[in-house]
Amino acid sequence: MANIEKQRLRHQALDRRTGQPEKDRVSSLIHEQLHRIPGIAERQNWMIYVSVRTEVRTWQLIESRLVNGQPVFVPYCRGQQLSIFHLKDATHLQRGSFGLLEPAPQFRKQAELHADITEMDVIIVPGVAFDRHTCHRIGYGKGYFDRFLAAAPASVLKVGVAFECQLFESIPTDEHDVPVDVVVTEQSLIVPTR
C-alpha cells in the first residue's frame, strides 16, 4: 500500500516540479536559503548532486564553489551504488547514466579523485517529494540515495533541496528510507519535528 501511495505522490510531485516557473531564478533563491543554515559555512567538503531535467538547479552552486577554490564532490552511479568523485574541473564531467553529468571514465580511474562518504561534511540531496514534518523524501524509486545515506556518519549534514511545490504534509515511509536533516526551499528551512 505504501508503494502505491509513494508512486501516486511521486507522479503528483513530478507534475508540480515540471510546472514550476522560473526554475533558474527560484533555484538561486534556494541557494541563498541554503547558506542560511547555521554553521554550514564552516563545513568544507560538500557533495552536490548534478541536477538534471526539472530538478532544483545545482550547477550555479557547483561553479561558485569551484571558482572560490572550495572542495566540490559529486555522486555518480557505479552499478547499483553511488560513488563520490572529487570534482576539480567542470570539464571532467560528461553525460552518463540516465542522462546525468558524471565523471568521465578516464578521470574515474584516478584514485586520488575518489572520496568516501565519511570524508563529507555536507551532502546536497535531490528528491521528488519531501515530507514537511519529518524531512523524509521520495526519490525516483531506485533507492540509490537511501542506500548511500544509510552509510553517512551522524556528523554529515544531509540537506534536501526542493521547490516549495514539492513539499507534502505527509509521505509514506519504509524501513530503509533515510530522512535528511534539513529541507531547503525558496521560502524556508525545514527541520524535522519527529
Foldseek 3Di string as FASTA:
>chain_A
DQVVQLVVLLVVLVVLLLVDPPLVVFLVLLVVQVVVPPPPVVFAAEEEECDDDSWRHCVVVVVVCLVVVTWYWYWDDDPLEIWIFTDNDPVQWDQDPPRGTDGDPVRVPDPVGTDALASGQEYEDEASAAALAAQWGHHPPSCHVLVRCVPHDPNHQYEYEGAPSRYDNDHDDDPSTDGGQWYTGSVDIGGHPD
